Amino acid sequence: MTSDKKISFKMRLLSLLAVILLLVTDQAIKYIVDLKLKGRPAVVVIKNVLQFNYLENDGAMMGFMDGKTAVMTVLAVMCVIAMVAVIF
């Protein structure tokens, strides 16, 4: 039974690290996009196929809750807390 607890702890730790890695990666990508694309024309990667444009969305998916940044922040923090609670 001791080995089961060690495996369980390892899985919980791995899950927590995955959540942290996803959050850091998300914020890093947003920072890089802000540096490279904000206030600049579209960056064409493959002509007529793929280009990157800078757009801002103050809400959630497709503008849902647009302009309610504080509410979205509270919801995001609650989701992260819930994920950590489920892990442990």
C-alpha atoms as a PDB file:
ATOM      1  CA  MET A   1       0.000   0.000   0.000  1.00  0.00           C
ATOM      2  CA  THR A   2       2.947   2.343   0.548  1.00  0.00           C
ATOM      3  CA  SER A   3       3.970   2.090  -3.111  1.00  0.00           C
ATOM      4  CA  ASP A   4       0.400   3.027  -4.166  1.00  0.00           C
ATOM      5  CA  LYS A   5       0.617   6.233  -2.148  1.00  0.00           C
ATOM      6  CA  LYS A   6       3.981   7.090  -3.712  1.00  0.00           C
ATOM      7  CA  ILE A   7       2.594   6.547  -7.205  1.00  0.00           C
ATOM      8  CA  SER A   8      -0.469   8.574  -6.330  1.00  0.00           C
ATOM      9  CA  PHE A   9       1.673  11.425  -5.010  1.00  0.00           C
ATOM     10  CA  LYS A  10       3.867  11.287  -8.118  1.00  0.00           C
ATOM     11  CA  MET A  11       0.796  11.470 -10.365  1.00  0.00           C
ATOM     12  CA  ARG A  12      -0.586  14.396  -8.381  1.00  0.00           C
ATOM     13  CA  LEU A  13       2.712  16.217  -8.589  1.00  0.00           C
ATOM     14  CA  LEU A  14       2.957  15.502 -12.322  1.00  0.00           C
ATOM     15  CA  SER A  15      -0.604  16.778 -12.816  1.00  0.00           C
ATOM     16  CA  LEU A  16       0.138  19.946 -10.868  1.00  0.00           C
ATOM     17  CA  LEU A  17       3.279  20.530 -12.917  1.00  0.00           C
ATOM     18  CA  ALA A  18       1.247  20.029 -16.113  1.00  0.00           C
ATOM     19  CA  VAL A  19      -1.267  22.677 -14.997  1.00  0.00           C
ATOM     20  CA  ILE A  20       1.553  25.102 -14.164  1.00  0.00           C
ATOM     21  CA  LEU A  21       3.286  24.383 -17.487  1.00  0.00           C
ATOM     22  CA  LEU A  22       0.080  25.038 -19.419  1.00  0.00           C
ATOM     23  CA  LEU A  23      -0.511  28.333 -17.609  1.00  0.00           C
ATOM     24  CA  VAL A  24       3.076  29.504 -18.159  1.00  0.00           C
ATOM     25  CA  THR A  25       2.990  28.458 -21.827  1.00  0.00           C
ATOM     26  CA  ASP A  26      -0.317  30.277 -22.376  1.00  0.00           C
ATOM     27  CA  GLN A  27       0.990  33.500 -20.850  1.00  0.00           C
ATOM     28  CA  ALA A  28       4.321  33.259 -22.714  1.00  0.00           C
ATOM     29  CA  ILE A  29       2.567  32.865 -26.072  1.00  0.00           C
ATOM     30  CA  LYS A  30       0.327  35.845 -25.319  1.00  0.00           C
ATOM     31  CA  TYR A  31       3.375  37.936 -24.362  1.00  0.00           C
ATOM     32  CA  ILE A  32       5.270  37.010 -27.545  1.00  0.00           C
ATOM     33  CA  VAL A  33       2.244  37.691 -29.758  1.00  0.00           C
ATOM     34  CA  ASP A  34       1.788  41.060 -28.047  1.00  0.00           C
ATOM     35  CA  LEU A  35       5.447  41.948 -28.710  1.00  0.00           C
ATOM     36  CA  LYS A  36       5.579  40.763 -32.311  1.00  0.00           C
ATOM     37  CA  LEU A  37       2.119  41.523 -33.731  1.00  0.00           C
ATOM     38  CA  LYS A  38       0.442  44.374 -31.803  1.00  0.00           C
ATOM     39  CA  GLY A  39       0.171  47.501 -33.929  1.00  0.00           C
ATOM     40  CA  ARG A  40       1.700  45.832 -36.966  1.00  0.00           C
ATOM     41  CA  PRO A  41       0.283  44.490 -40.216  1.00  0.00           C
ATOM     42  CA  ALA A  42      -0.514  40.812 -40.650  1.00  0.00           C
ATOM     43  CA  VAL A  43       2.422  38.418 -40.778  1.00  0.00           C
ATOM     44  CA  VAL A  44       2.081  36.164 -43.825  1.00  0.00           C
ATOM     45  CA  VAL A  45       3.496  32.686 -43.243  1.00  0.00           C
ATOM     46  CA  ILE A  46       2.174  30.970 -46.388  1.00  0.00           C
ATOM     47  CA  LYS A  47       0.717  33.318 -49.010  1.00  0.00           C
ATOM     48  CA  ASN A  48      -3.067  32.887 -49.430  1.00  0.00           C
ATOM     49  CA  VAL A  49      -3.043  30.091 -46.841  1.00  0.00           C
ATOM     50  CA  LEU A  50      -1.781  31.212 -43.418  1.00  0.00           C
ATOM     51  CA  GLN A  51      -1.283  34.618 -41.851  1.00  0.00           C
ATOM     52  CA  PHE A  52      -1.274  35.941 -38.290  1.00  0.00           C
ATOM     53  CA  ASN A  53      -3.310  39.014 -37.345  1.00  0.00           C
ATOM     54  CA  TYR A  54      -3.346  40.681 -33.941  1.00  0.00           C
ATOM     55  CA  LEU A  55      -6.818  40.809 -32.401  1.00  0.00           C
ATOM     56  CA  GLU A  56      -7.941  41.470 -28.841  1.00  0.00           C
ATOM     57  CA  ASN A  57     -10.907  39.806 -27.175  1.00  0.00           C
ATOM     58  CA  ASP A  58     -11.858  41.142 -23.744  1.00  0.00           C
ATOM     59  CA  GLY A  59     -14.322  38.341 -23.186  1.00  0.00           C
ATOM     60  CA  ALA A  60     -14.340  34.608 -23.611  1.00  0.00           C
ATOM     61  CA  MET A  61     -14.842  32.570 -26.755  1.00  0.00           C
ATOM     62  CA  MET A  62     -16.203  34.605 -29.676  1.00  0.00           C
ATOM     63  CA  GLY A  63     -16.733  37.724 -27.549  1.00  0.00           C
ATOM     64  CA  PHE A  64     -18.934  36.108 -24.911  1.00  0.00           C
ATOM     65  CA  MET A  65     -18.996  38.401 -21.835  1.00  0.00           C
ATOM     66  CA  ASP A  66     -17.157  41.096 -23.785  1.00  0.00           C
ATOM     67  CA  GLY A  67     -15.879  43.881 -21.538  1.00  0.00           C
ATOM     68  CA  LYS A  68     -16.349  41.892 -18.331  1.00  0.00           C
ATOM     69  CA  THR A  69     -12.653  41.287 -17.725  1.00  0.00           C
ATOM     70  CA  ALA A  70     -12.961  41.242 -13.920  1.00  0.00           C
ATOM     71  CA  VAL A  71     -15.622  38.525 -14.036  1.00  0.00           C
ATOM     72  CA  MET A  72     -13.554  36.479 -16.482  1.00  0.00           C
ATOM     73  CA  THR A  73     -10.480  36.828 -14.257  1.00  0.00           C
ATOM     74  CA  VAL A  74     -12.381  35.617 -11.193  1.00  0.00           C
ATOM     75  CA  LEU A  75     -13.765  32.658 -13.165  1.00  0.00           C
ATOM     76  CA  ALA A  76     -10.293  31.751 -14.443  1.00  0.00           C
ATOM     77  CA  VAL A  77      -8.813  31.855 -10.941  1.00  0.00           C
ATOM     78  CA  MET A  78     -11.677  29.720  -9.632  1.00  0.00           C
ATOM     79  CA  CYS A  79     -11.049  27.154 -12.391  1.00  0.00           C
ATOM     80  CA  VAL A  80      -7.350  26.941 -11.553  1.00  0.00           C
ATOM     81  CA  ILE A  81      -8.164  26.529  -7.857  1.00  0.00           C
ATOM     82  CA  ALA A  82     -10.671  23.787  -8.741  1.00  0.00           C
ATOM     83  CA  MET A  83      -8.051  21.976 -10.875  1.00  0.00           C
ATOM     84  CA  VAL A  84      -5.512  22.059  -8.042  1.00  0.00           C
ATOM     85  CA  ALA A  85      -8.190  20.899  -5.569  1.00  0.00           C
ATOM     86  CA  VAL A  86      -9.113  17.957  -7.800  1.00  0.00           C
ATOM     87  CA  ILE A  87      -5.438  17.008  -8.160  1.00  0.00           C
ATOM     88  CA  PHE A  88      -4.952  16.929  -4.390  1.00  0.00           C
END
